[in-house]
Amino acid sequence: MPANGIGYVDNGGPFNLVEFKIIQEFISLTVFAILAITVFKTDKFAWNHVVGFLFMLLAVFFVFKNW
């Protein structure tokens, strides 16, 4: 969650605490993976990374889906 809390329901935004945290984690891990692969060249992008990102996308889907 950003330090200013913009986007949080109590501050007038559209996201509750869980949705806000899921968005933050997804963005952080995506940026880290892109930097690790392109800038630092420490890892190769393998099939297990793809599966991990798909699971993260599923997590985002299930958190935002209203049942």
PDB file of N, CA and C in Angstrom:
ATOM      1  N   MET A   1       0.844  -1.167   0.000  1.00  0.00           N
ATOM      2  CA  MET A   1       0.000   0.000   0.000  1.00  0.00           C
ATOM      3  C   MET A   1       0.889   1.230   0.000  1.00  0.00           C
ATOM      4  N   PRO A   2       0.601   2.167  -0.866  1.00  0.00           N
ATOM      5  CA  PRO A   2       1.378   3.401  -0.855  1.00  0.00           C
ATOM      6  C   PRO A   2       1.254   4.121   0.481  1.00  0.00           C
ATOM      7  N   ALA A   3       2.268   4.845   0.825  1.00  0.00           N
ATOM      8  CA  ALA A   3       2.291   5.533   2.113  1.00  0.00           C
ATOM      9  C   ALA A   3       1.169   6.551   2.238  1.00  0.00           C
ATOM     10  N   ASN A   4       0.729   7.123   1.129  1.00  0.00           N
ATOM     11  CA  ASN A   4      -0.334   8.124   1.203  1.00  0.00           C
ATOM     12  C   ASN A   4      -1.727   7.504   1.223  1.00  0.00           C
ATOM     13  N   GLY A   5      -1.864   6.252   0.874  1.00  0.00           N
ATOM     14  CA  GLY A   5      -3.142   5.550   0.931  1.00  0.00           C
ATOM     15  C   GLY A   5      -4.151   5.986  -0.121  1.00  0.00           C
ATOM     16  N   ILE A   6      -3.699   6.666  -1.153  1.00  0.00           N
ATOM     17  CA  ILE A   6      -4.628   7.068  -2.214  1.00  0.00           C
ATOM     18  C   ILE A   6      -5.171   5.804  -2.885  1.00  0.00           C
ATOM     19  N   GLY A   7      -6.455   5.731  -3.032  1.00  0.00           N
ATOM     20  CA  GLY A   7      -7.101   4.577  -3.628  1.00  0.00           C
ATOM     21  C   GLY A   7      -7.806   3.706  -2.616  1.00  0.00           C
ATOM     22  N   TYR A   8      -7.516   3.903  -1.336  1.00  0.00           N
ATOM     23  CA  TYR A   8      -8.146   3.125  -0.268  1.00  0.00           C
ATOM     24  C   TYR A   8      -9.545   3.668  -0.012  1.00  0.00           C
ATOM     25  N   VAL A   9     -10.484   2.804   0.301  1.00  0.00           N
ATOM     26  CA  VAL A   9     -11.886   3.177   0.486  1.00  0.00           C
ATOM     27  C   VAL A   9     -12.051   4.298   1.506  1.00  0.00           C
ATOM     28  N   ASP A  10     -11.367   4.226   2.627  1.00  0.00           N
ATOM     29  CA  ASP A  10     -11.511   5.245   3.672  1.00  0.00           C
ATOM     30  C   ASP A  10     -10.974   6.608   3.246  1.00  0.00           C
ATOM     31  N   ASN A  11     -10.152   6.632   2.202  1.00  0.00           N
ATOM     32  CA  ASN A  11      -9.619   7.897   1.690  1.00  0.00           C
ATOM     33  C   ASN A  11     -10.330   8.330   0.406  1.00  0.00           C
ATOM     34  N   GLY A  12     -11.469   7.723   0.124  1.00  0.00           N
ATOM     35  CA  GLY A  12     -12.246   8.097  -1.044  1.00  0.00           C
ATOM     36  C   GLY A  12     -11.950   7.288  -2.290  1.00  0.00           C
ATOM     37  N   GLY A  13     -11.133   6.261  -2.178  1.00  0.00           N
ATOM     38  CA  GLY A  13     -10.789   5.456  -3.345  1.00  0.00           C
ATOM     39  C   GLY A  13     -11.717   4.272  -3.526  1.00  0.00           C
ATOM     40  N   PRO A  14     -11.520   3.513  -4.591  1.00  0.00           N
ATOM     41  CA  PRO A  14     -12.420   2.400  -4.900  1.00  0.00           C
ATOM     42  C   PRO A  14     -12.011   1.042  -4.312  1.00  0.00           C
ATOM     43  N   PHE A  15     -10.827   0.937  -3.688  1.00  0.00           N
ATOM     44  CA  PHE A  15     -10.314  -0.378  -3.284  1.00  0.00           C
ATOM     45  C   PHE A  15     -10.362  -0.577  -1.773  1.00  0.00           C
ATOM     46  N   ASN A  16     -10.743  -1.820  -1.357  1.00  0.00           N
ATOM     47  CA  ASN A  16     -10.628  -2.140   0.058  1.00  0.00           C
ATOM     48  C   ASN A  16      -9.190  -2.560   0.346  1.00  0.00           C
ATOM     49  N   LEU A  17      -8.897  -2.881   1.587  1.00  0.00           N
ATOM     50  CA  LEU A  17      -7.520  -3.143   1.993  1.00  0.00           C
ATOM     51  C   LEU A  17      -6.914  -4.349   1.281  1.00  0.00           C
ATOM     52  N   VAL A  18      -7.677  -5.430   1.136  1.00  0.00           N
ATOM     53  CA  VAL A  18      -7.160  -6.644   0.483  1.00  0.00           C
ATOM     54  C   VAL A  18      -6.887  -6.382  -0.997  1.00  0.00           C
ATOM     55  N   GLU A  19      -7.814  -5.736  -1.680  1.00  0.00           N
ATOM     56  CA  GLU A  19      -7.617  -5.433  -3.101  1.00  0.00           C
ATOM     57  C   GLU A  19      -6.412  -4.526  -3.307  1.00  0.00           C
ATOM     58  N   PHE A  20      -6.287  -3.550  -2.435  1.00  0.00           N
ATOM     59  CA  PHE A  20      -5.167  -2.609  -2.529  1.00  0.00           C
ATOM     60  C   PHE A  20      -3.831  -3.324  -2.364  1.00  0.00           C
ATOM     61  N   LYS A  21      -3.758  -4.243  -1.411  1.00  0.00           N
ATOM     62  CA  LYS A  21      -2.514  -4.982  -1.155  1.00  0.00           C
ATOM     63  C   LYS A  21      -2.191  -5.925  -2.310  1.00  0.00           C
ATOM     64  N   ILE A  22      -3.195  -6.589  -2.879  1.00  0.00           N
ATOM     65  CA  ILE A  22      -2.962  -7.490  -4.010  1.00  0.00           C
ATOM     66  C   ILE A  22      -2.421  -6.715  -5.202  1.00  0.00           C
ATOM     67  N   ILE A  23      -2.985  -5.542  -5.476  1.00  0.00           N
ATOM     68  CA  ILE A  23      -2.487  -4.708  -6.570  1.00  0.00           C
ATOM     69  C   ILE A  23      -1.030  -4.336  -6.326  1.00  0.00           C
ATOM     70  N   GLN A  24      -0.711  -3.923  -5.106  1.00  0.00           N
ATOM     71  CA  GLN A  24       0.655  -3.509  -4.770  1.00  0.00           C
ATOM     72  C   GLN A  24       1.645  -4.658  -4.936  1.00  0.00           C
ATOM     73  N   GLU A  25       1.286  -5.849  -4.459  1.00  0.00           N
ATOM     74  CA  GLU A  25       2.185  -7.001  -4.570  1.00  0.00           C
ATOM     75  C   GLU A  25       2.387  -7.405  -6.028  1.00  0.00           C
ATOM     76  N   PHE A  26       1.328  -7.417  -6.804  1.00  0.00           N
ATOM     77  CA  PHE A  26       1.442  -7.800  -8.209  1.00  0.00           C
ATOM     78  C   PHE A  26       2.347  -6.837  -8.968  1.00  0.00           C
ATOM     79  N   ILE A  27       2.160  -5.547  -8.748  1.00  0.00           N
ATOM     80  CA  ILE A  27       2.998  -4.551  -9.425  1.00  0.00           C
ATOM     81  C   ILE A  27       4.453  -4.681  -8.984  1.00  0.00           C
ATOM     82  N   SER A  28       4.687  -4.846  -7.688  1.00  0.00           N
ATOM     83  CA  SER A  28       6.061  -4.962  -7.174  1.00  0.00           C
ATOM     84  C   SER A  28       6.776  -6.179  -7.745  1.00  0.00           C
ATOM     85  N   LEU A  29       6.119  -7.333  -7.746  1.00  0.00           N
ATOM     86  CA  LEU A  29       6.754  -8.550  -8.246  1.00  0.00           C
ATOM     87  C   LEU A  29       6.961  -8.499  -9.760  1.00  0.00           C
ATOM     88  N   THR A  30       6.046  -7.886 -10.478  1.00  0.00           N
ATOM     89  CA  THR A  30       6.204  -7.752 -11.928  1.00  0.00           C
ATOM     90  C   THR A  30       7.392  -6.860 -12.269  1.00  0.00           C
ATOM     91  N   VAL A  31       7.492  -5.720 -11.598  1.00  0.00           N
ATOM     92  CA  VAL A  31       8.617  -4.807 -11.846  1.00  0.00           C
ATOM     93  C   VAL A  31       9.939  -5.474 -11.466  1.00  0.00           C
ATOM     94  N   PHE A  32       9.965  -6.180 -10.336  1.00  0.00           N
ATOM     95  CA  PHE A  32      11.188  -6.870  -9.921  1.00  0.00           C
ATOM     96  C   PHE A  32      11.607  -7.913 -10.947  1.00  0.00           C
ATOM     97  N   ALA A  33      10.652  -8.695 -11.437  1.00  0.00           N
ATOM     98  CA  ALA A  33      10.986  -9.736 -12.418  1.00  0.00           C
ATOM     99  C   ALA A  33      11.524  -9.122 -13.706  1.00  0.00           C
ATOM    100  N   ILE A  34      10.901  -8.063 -14.165  1.00  0.00           N
ATOM    101  CA  ILE A  34      11.367  -7.406 -15.391  1.00  0.00           C
ATOM    102  C   ILE A  34      12.779  -6.863 -15.200  1.00  0.00           C
ATOM    103  N   LEU A  35      13.034  -6.227 -14.069  1.00  0.00           N
ATOM    104  CA  LEU A  35      14.379  -5.701 -13.813  1.00  0.00           C
ATOM    105  C   LEU A  35      15.411  -6.817 -13.665  1.00  0.00           C
ATOM    106  N   ALA A  36      15.050  -7.893 -12.977  1.00  0.00           N
ATOM    107  CA  ALA A  36      15.990  -9.002 -12.790  1.00  0.00           C
ATOM    108  C   ALA A  36      16.365  -9.647 -14.115  1.00  0.00           C
ATOM    109  N   ILE A  37      15.428  -9.713 -15.031  1.00  0.00           N
ATOM    110  CA  ILE A  37      15.691 -10.359 -16.320  1.00  0.00           C
ATOM    111  C   ILE A  37      16.418  -9.429 -17.281  1.00  0.00           C
ATOM    112  N   THR A  38      16.014  -8.158 -17.326  1.00  0.00           N
ATOM    113  CA  THR A  38      16.572  -7.261 -18.338  1.00  0.00           C
ATOM    114  C   THR A  38      17.808  -6.499 -17.876  1.00  0.00           C
ATOM    115  N   VAL A  39      17.767  -5.961 -16.681  1.00  0.00           N
ATOM    116  CA  VAL A  39      18.865  -5.099 -16.229  1.00  0.00           C
ATOM    117  C   VAL A  39      19.973  -5.903 -15.570  1.00  0.00           C
ATOM    118  N   PHE A  40      19.605  -6.711 -14.583  1.00  0.00           N
ATOM    119  CA  PHE A  40      20.622  -7.426 -13.815  1.00  0.00           C
ATOM    120  C   PHE A  40      21.050  -8.729 -14.463  1.00  0.00           C
ATOM    121  N   LYS A  41      20.208  -9.274 -15.317  1.00  0.00           N
ATOM    122  CA  LYS A  41      20.497 -10.520 -16.046  1.00  0.00           C
ATOM    123  C   LYS A  41      20.930 -11.650 -15.105  1.00  0.00           C
ATOM    124  N   THR A  42      20.234 -11.748 -13.962  1.00  0.00           N
ATOM    125  CA  THR A  42      20.573 -12.791 -12.998  1.00  0.00           C
ATOM    126  C   THR A  42      19.809 -14.077 -13.257  1.00  0.00           C
ATOM    127  N   ASP A  43      18.659 -13.994 -13.911  1.00  0.00           N
ATOM    128  CA  ASP A  43      17.828 -15.167 -14.147  1.00  0.00           C
ATOM    129  C   ASP A  43      17.365 -15.210 -15.594  1.00  0.00           C
ATOM    130  N   LYS A  44      17.082 -16.405 -16.028  1.00  0.00           N
ATOM    131  CA  LYS A  44      16.417 -16.598 -17.317  1.00  0.00           C
ATOM    132  C   LYS A  44      14.931 -16.806 -17.014  1.00  0.00           C
ATOM    133  N   PHE A  45      14.086 -16.348 -17.911  1.00  0.00           N
ATOM    134  CA  PHE A  45      12.649 -16.504 -17.731  1.00  0.00           C
ATOM    135  C   PHE A  45      12.279 -17.926 -18.115  1.00  0.00           C
ATOM    136  N   ALA A  46      11.865 -18.749 -17.159  1.00  0.00           N
ATOM    137  CA  ALA A  46      11.583 -20.164 -17.382  1.00  0.00           C
ATOM    138  C   ALA A  46      10.080 -20.433 -17.252  1.00  0.00           C
ATOM    139  N   TRP A  47       9.699 -21.663 -17.503  1.00  0.00           N
ATOM    140  CA  TRP A  47       8.287 -22.038 -17.462  1.00  0.00           C
ATOM    141  C   TRP A  47       7.691 -21.861 -16.078  1.00  0.00           C
ATOM    142  N   ASN A  48       8.471 -22.109 -15.028  1.00  0.00           N
ATOM    143  CA  ASN A  48       7.930 -21.971 -13.670  1.00  0.00           C
ATOM    144  C   ASN A  48       7.646 -20.509 -13.325  1.00  0.00           C
ATOM    145  N   HIS A  49       8.362 -19.585 -13.942  1.00  0.00           N
ATOM    146  CA  HIS A  49       8.053 -18.163 -13.750  1.00  0.00           C
ATOM    147  C   HIS A  49       6.713 -17.821 -14.392  1.00  0.00           C
ATOM    148  N   VAL A  50       6.471 -18.383 -15.561  1.00  0.00           N
ATOM    149  CA  VAL A  50       5.198 -18.159 -16.244  1.00  0.00           C
ATOM    150  C   VAL A  50       4.048 -18.693 -15.394  1.00  0.00           C
ATOM    151  N   VAL A  51       4.218 -19.879 -14.841  1.00  0.00           N
ATOM    152  CA  VAL A  51       3.183 -20.463 -13.983  1.00  0.00           C
ATOM    153  C   VAL A  51       2.955 -19.590 -12.752  1.00  0.00           C
ATOM    154  N   GLY A  52       4.025 -19.085 -12.159  1.00  0.00           N
ATOM    155  CA  GLY A  52       3.888 -18.208 -11.000  1.00  0.00           C
ATOM    156  C   GLY A  52       3.122 -16.937 -11.315  1.00  0.00           C
ATOM    157  N   PHE A  53       3.401 -16.324 -12.467  1.00  0.00           N
ATOM    158  CA  PHE A  53       2.673 -15.125 -12.862  1.00  0.00           C
ATOM    159  C   PHE A  53       1.214 -15.435 -13.176  1.00  0.00           C
ATOM    160  N   LEU A  54       0.949 -16.605 -13.737  1.00  0.00           N
ATOM    161  CA  LEU A  54      -0.443 -16.986 -13.976  1.00  0.00           C
ATOM    162  C   LEU A  54      -1.195 -17.148 -12.659  1.00  0.00           C
ATOM    163  N   PHE A  55      -0.538 -17.734 -11.659  1.00  0.00           N
ATOM    164  CA  PHE A  55      -1.176 -17.859 -10.343  1.00  0.00           C
ATOM    165  C   PHE A  55      -1.426 -16.488  -9.719  1.00  0.00           C
ATOM    166  N   MET A  56      -0.495 -15.557  -9.927  1.00  0.00           N
ATOM    167  CA  MET A  56      -0.718 -14.202  -9.404  1.00  0.00           C
ATOM    168  C   MET A  56      -1.910 -13.554 -10.103  1.00  0.00           C
ATOM    169  N   LEU A  57      -2.021 -13.750 -11.416  1.00  0.00           N
ATOM    170  CA  LEU A  57      -3.176 -13.215 -12.134  1.00  0.00           C
ATOM    171  C   LEU A  57      -4.470 -13.856 -11.645  1.00  0.00           C
ATOM    172  N   LEU A  58      -4.439 -15.149 -11.346  1.00  0.00           N
ATOM    173  CA  LEU A  58      -5.616 -15.800 -10.781  1.00  0.00           C
ATOM    174  C   LEU A  58      -5.961 -15.235  -9.411  1.00  0.00           C
ATOM    175  N   ALA A  59      -4.947 -14.932  -8.610  1.00  0.00           N
ATOM    176  CA  ALA A  59      -5.199 -14.331  -7.305  1.00  0.00           C
ATOM    177  C   ALA A  59      -5.873 -12.986  -7.451  1.00  0.00           C
ATOM    178  N   VAL A  60      -5.403 -12.181  -8.379  1.00  0.00           N
ATOM    179  CA  VAL A  60      -6.031 -10.875  -8.633  1.00  0.00           C
ATOM    180  C   VAL A  60      -7.475 -11.078  -9.086  1.00  0.00           C
ATOM    181  N   PHE A  61      -7.701 -12.021  -9.965  1.00  0.00           N
ATOM    182  CA  PHE A  61      -9.060 -12.298 -10.439  1.00  0.00           C
ATOM    183  C   PHE A  61      -9.977 -12.684  -9.283  1.00  0.00           C
ATOM    184  N   PHE A  62      -9.553 -13.622  -8.442  1.00  0.00           N
ATOM    185  CA  PHE A  62     -10.410 -14.095  -7.363  1.00  0.00           C
ATOM    186  C   PHE A  62     -10.640 -13.033  -6.289  1.00  0.00           C
ATOM    187  N   VAL A  63      -9.690 -12.166  -6.059  1.00  0.00           N
ATOM    188  CA  VAL A  63      -9.876 -11.106  -5.069  1.00  0.00           C
ATOM    189  C   VAL A  63     -10.886 -10.078  -5.576  1.00  0.00           C
ATOM    190  N   PHE A  64     -10.840  -9.749  -6.866  1.00  0.00           N
ATOM    191  CA  PHE A  64     -11.716  -8.718  -7.396  1.00  0.00           C
ATOM    192  C   PHE A  64     -13.068  -9.242  -7.879  1.00  0.00           C
ATOM    193  N   LYS A  65     -13.228 -10.554  -7.978  1.00  0.00           N
ATOM    194  CA  LYS A  65     -14.491 -11.137  -8.451  1.00  0.00           C
ATOM    195  C   LYS A  65     -15.527 -11.098  -7.339  1.00  0.00           C
ATOM    196  N   ASN A  66     -16.692 -10.523  -7.642  1.00  0.00           N
ATOM    197  CA  ASN A  66     -17.808 -10.529  -6.693  1.00  0.00           C
ATOM    198  C   ASN A  66     -18.663 -11.761  -6.956  1.00  0.00           C
ATOM    199  N   TRP A  67     -18.735 -12.648  -6.007  1.00  0.00           N
ATOM    200  CA  TRP A  67     -19.464 -13.893  -6.183  1.00  0.00           C
ATOM    201  C   TRP A  67     -20.885 -13.706  -5.757  1.00  0.00           C
TER     202      TRP A  67
END
